[in-house]
Amino acid sequence: MYGSIISNLVLPQSVTSLAGNIFSVSNIKDVIINSDALAVGGAFHTCSSLSSATFTSHSLSLSASSSFCALFASCNNLSSVNFPNMTMS
C-alpha cells in the first residue's frame, strides 16, 4: 500500500492489526477504521493528503513501541481525528 493512489480507505472489523508504515506516503485523504485495530508504528506516516481519520470502535490499542503521534506523524493536512463511539472513563 506504500505510495498508494487510493483516496478513501475503510478498514473493516476483520482487520486486527496494522503493520508499521503500511499506508505511508500514500494519497489517502480520509480513513475510517471500523475495528479495534492494533496500530503499530507509523501506519499513516507522511500521508500528506490525509485530512480526516475516524475510529468507530469502542477502544484503540497501540503497541508498546508506538504512540498516537507516531501513527499520524508528518500528516500535515490532518485536521480531524474522530472517536464517535468512545466513552471516557
C-alpha atoms as a PDB file:
ATOM      1  CA  MET A   1       0.000   0.000   0.000  1.00  0.00           C
ATOM      2  CA  TYR A   2       3.064   2.258   0.322  1.00  0.00           C
ATOM      3  CA  GLY A   3       2.586   5.112  -2.118  1.00  0.00           C
ATOM      4  CA  SER A   4      -0.959   4.028  -2.984  1.00  0.00           C
ATOM      5  CA  ILE A   5      -3.265   6.290  -5.017  1.00  0.00           C
ATOM      6  CA  ILE A   6      -6.383   5.275  -3.028  1.00  0.00           C
ATOM      7  CA  SER A   7      -8.070   8.416  -1.692  1.00  0.00           C
ATOM      8  CA  ASN A   8     -10.694   6.973   0.699  1.00  0.00           C
ATOM      9  CA  LEU A   9      -9.995   3.959   2.865  1.00  0.00           C
ATOM     10  CA  VAL A  10     -12.421   1.987   5.040  1.00  0.00           C
ATOM     11  CA  LEU A  11     -10.890  -0.785   7.133  1.00  0.00           C
ATOM     12  CA  PRO A  12     -13.426  -3.467   8.154  1.00  0.00           C
ATOM     13  CA  GLN A  13     -13.795  -5.106  11.567  1.00  0.00           C
ATOM     14  CA  SER A  14     -11.843  -8.104  10.300  1.00  0.00           C
ATOM     15  CA  VAL A  15      -8.630  -6.044  10.335  1.00  0.00           C
ATOM     16  CA  THR A  16      -6.951  -6.806  13.633  1.00  0.00           C
ATOM     17  CA  SER A  17      -3.575  -5.153  13.140  1.00  0.00           C
ATOM     18  CA  LEU A  18      -1.804  -2.590  11.011  1.00  0.00           C
ATOM     19  CA  ALA A  19       1.785  -3.245  10.035  1.00  0.00           C
ATOM     20  CA  GLY A  20       4.138  -0.361  10.677  1.00  0.00           C
ATOM     21  CA  ASN A  21       4.185   2.219   7.869  1.00  0.00           C
ATOM     22  CA  ILE A  22       1.733   0.189   5.740  1.00  0.00           C
ATOM     23  CA  PHE A  23      -0.003   3.297   4.369  1.00  0.00           C
ATOM     24  CA  SER A  24       2.994   5.642   4.486  1.00  0.00           C
ATOM     25  CA  VAL A  25       3.448   8.143   1.687  1.00  0.00           C
ATOM     26  CA  SER A  26       0.033   7.325   0.197  1.00  0.00           C
ATOM     27  CA  ASN A  27      -2.589   9.706  -1.181  1.00  0.00           C
ATOM     28  CA  ILE A  28      -5.293   8.672   1.268  1.00  0.00           C
ATOM     29  CA  LYS A  29      -7.493  11.650   2.174  1.00  0.00           C
ATOM     30  CA  ASP A  30      -9.967  10.019   4.563  1.00  0.00           C
ATOM     31  CA  VAL A  31      -9.705   6.837   6.591  1.00  0.00           C
ATOM     32  CA  ILE A  32     -12.336   5.032   8.654  1.00  0.00           C
ATOM     33  CA  ILE A  33     -11.138   2.251  10.947  1.00  0.00           C
ATOM     34  CA  ASN A  34     -14.060   0.010  11.939  1.00  0.00           C
ATOM     35  CA  SER A  35     -12.205  -2.323  14.272  1.00  0.00           C
ATOM     36  CA  ASP A  36     -10.221  -2.436  17.468  1.00  0.00           C
ATOM     37  CA  ALA A  37      -7.121  -2.485  15.271  1.00  0.00           C
ATOM     38  CA  LEU A  38      -3.754  -2.619  16.929  1.00  0.00           C
ATOM     39  CA  ALA A  39      -1.913   0.330  15.397  1.00  0.00           C
ATOM     40  CA  VAL A  40       1.764  -0.472  15.048  1.00  0.00           C
ATOM     41  CA  GLY A  41       4.385   2.137  14.243  1.00  0.00           C
ATOM     42  CA  GLY A  42       3.518   4.945  11.882  1.00  0.00           C
ATOM     43  CA  ALA A  43       0.830   3.253   9.770  1.00  0.00           C
ATOM     44  CA  PHE A  44      -0.119   6.574   8.142  1.00  0.00           C
ATOM     45  CA  HIS A  45       3.290   8.277   8.450  1.00  0.00           C
ATOM     46  CA  THR A  46       3.794  11.047   5.877  1.00  0.00           C
ATOM     47  CA  CYS A  47       0.319  10.751   4.329  1.00  0.00           C
ATOM     48  CA  SER A  48       0.390  14.387   3.318  1.00  0.00           C
ATOM     49  CA  SER A  49      -3.113  14.212   1.788  1.00  0.00           C
ATOM     50  CA  LEU A  50      -4.757  12.719   4.875  1.00  0.00           C
ATOM     51  CA  SER A  51      -7.276  15.177   6.289  1.00  0.00           C
ATOM     52  CA  SER A  52      -9.616  13.010   8.379  1.00  0.00           C
ATOM     53  CA  ALA A  53      -9.415   9.807  10.420  1.00  0.00           C
ATOM     54  CA  THR A  54     -12.344   8.157  12.191  1.00  0.00           C
ATOM     55  CA  PHE A  55     -12.122   5.276  14.656  1.00  0.00           C
ATOM     56  CA  THR A  56     -15.584   3.720  15.033  1.00  0.00           C
ATOM     57  CA  SER A  57     -14.638   1.103  17.626  1.00  0.00           C
ATOM     58  CA  HIS A  58     -15.038   1.449  21.357  1.00  0.00           C
ATOM     59  CA  SER A  59     -11.324   1.140  22.036  1.00  0.00           C
ATOM     60  CA  LEU A  60      -7.976   1.649  20.368  1.00  0.00           C
ATOM     61  CA  SER A  61      -4.824  -0.225  21.272  1.00  0.00           C
ATOM     62  CA  LEU A  62      -1.350   0.973  20.491  1.00  0.00           C
ATOM     63  CA  SER A  63       1.672  -1.294  20.666  1.00  0.00           C
ATOM     64  CA  ALA A  64       4.282  -0.664  23.332  1.00  0.00           C
ATOM     65  CA  SER A  65       6.627   0.724  20.674  1.00  0.00           C
ATOM     66  CA  SER A  66       4.039   3.022  19.126  1.00  0.00           C
ATOM     67  CA  SER A  67       2.229   6.188  20.069  1.00  0.00           C
ATOM     68  CA  PHE A  68      -0.756   8.041  18.697  1.00  0.00           C
ATOM     69  CA  CYS A  69       1.564  10.773  17.440  1.00  0.00           C
ATOM     70  CA  ALA A  70       3.701   8.233  15.558  1.00  0.00           C
ATOM     71  CA  LEU A  71       0.593   6.808  13.900  1.00  0.00           C
ATOM     72  CA  PHE A  72      -0.014  10.123  12.105  1.00  0.00           C
ATOM     73  CA  ALA A  73       3.496  11.620  12.087  1.00  0.00           C
ATOM     74  CA  SER A  74       4.067  14.181   9.329  1.00  0.00           C
ATOM     75  CA  CYS A  75       0.419  14.139   8.218  1.00  0.00           C
ATOM     76  CA  ASN A  76       0.475  17.897   7.846  1.00  0.00           C
ATOM     77  CA  ASN A  77      -3.068  18.240   6.470  1.00  0.00           C
ATOM     78  CA  LEU A  78      -4.748  16.120   9.138  1.00  0.00           C
ATOM     79  CA  SER A  79      -7.470  18.351  10.536  1.00  0.00           C
ATOM     80  CA  SER A  80      -9.721  15.914  12.393  1.00  0.00           C
ATOM     81  CA  VAL A  81      -9.455  12.630  14.252  1.00  0.00           C
ATOM     82  CA  ASN A  82     -12.817  11.346  15.437  1.00  0.00           C
ATOM     83  CA  PHE A  83     -13.789   8.775  18.061  1.00  0.00           C
ATOM     84  CA  PRO A  84     -17.614   8.870  17.903  1.00  0.00           C
ATOM     85  CA  ASN A  85     -18.214   5.678  19.920  1.00  0.00           C
ATOM     86  CA  MET A  86     -15.626   6.006  22.680  1.00  0.00           C
ATOM     87  CA  THR A  87     -16.515   6.928  26.205  1.00  0.00           C
ATOM     88  CA  MET A  88     -14.086   8.468  28.647  1.00  0.00           C
ATOM     89  CA  SER A  89     -13.538   6.739  31.952  1.00  0.00           C
END
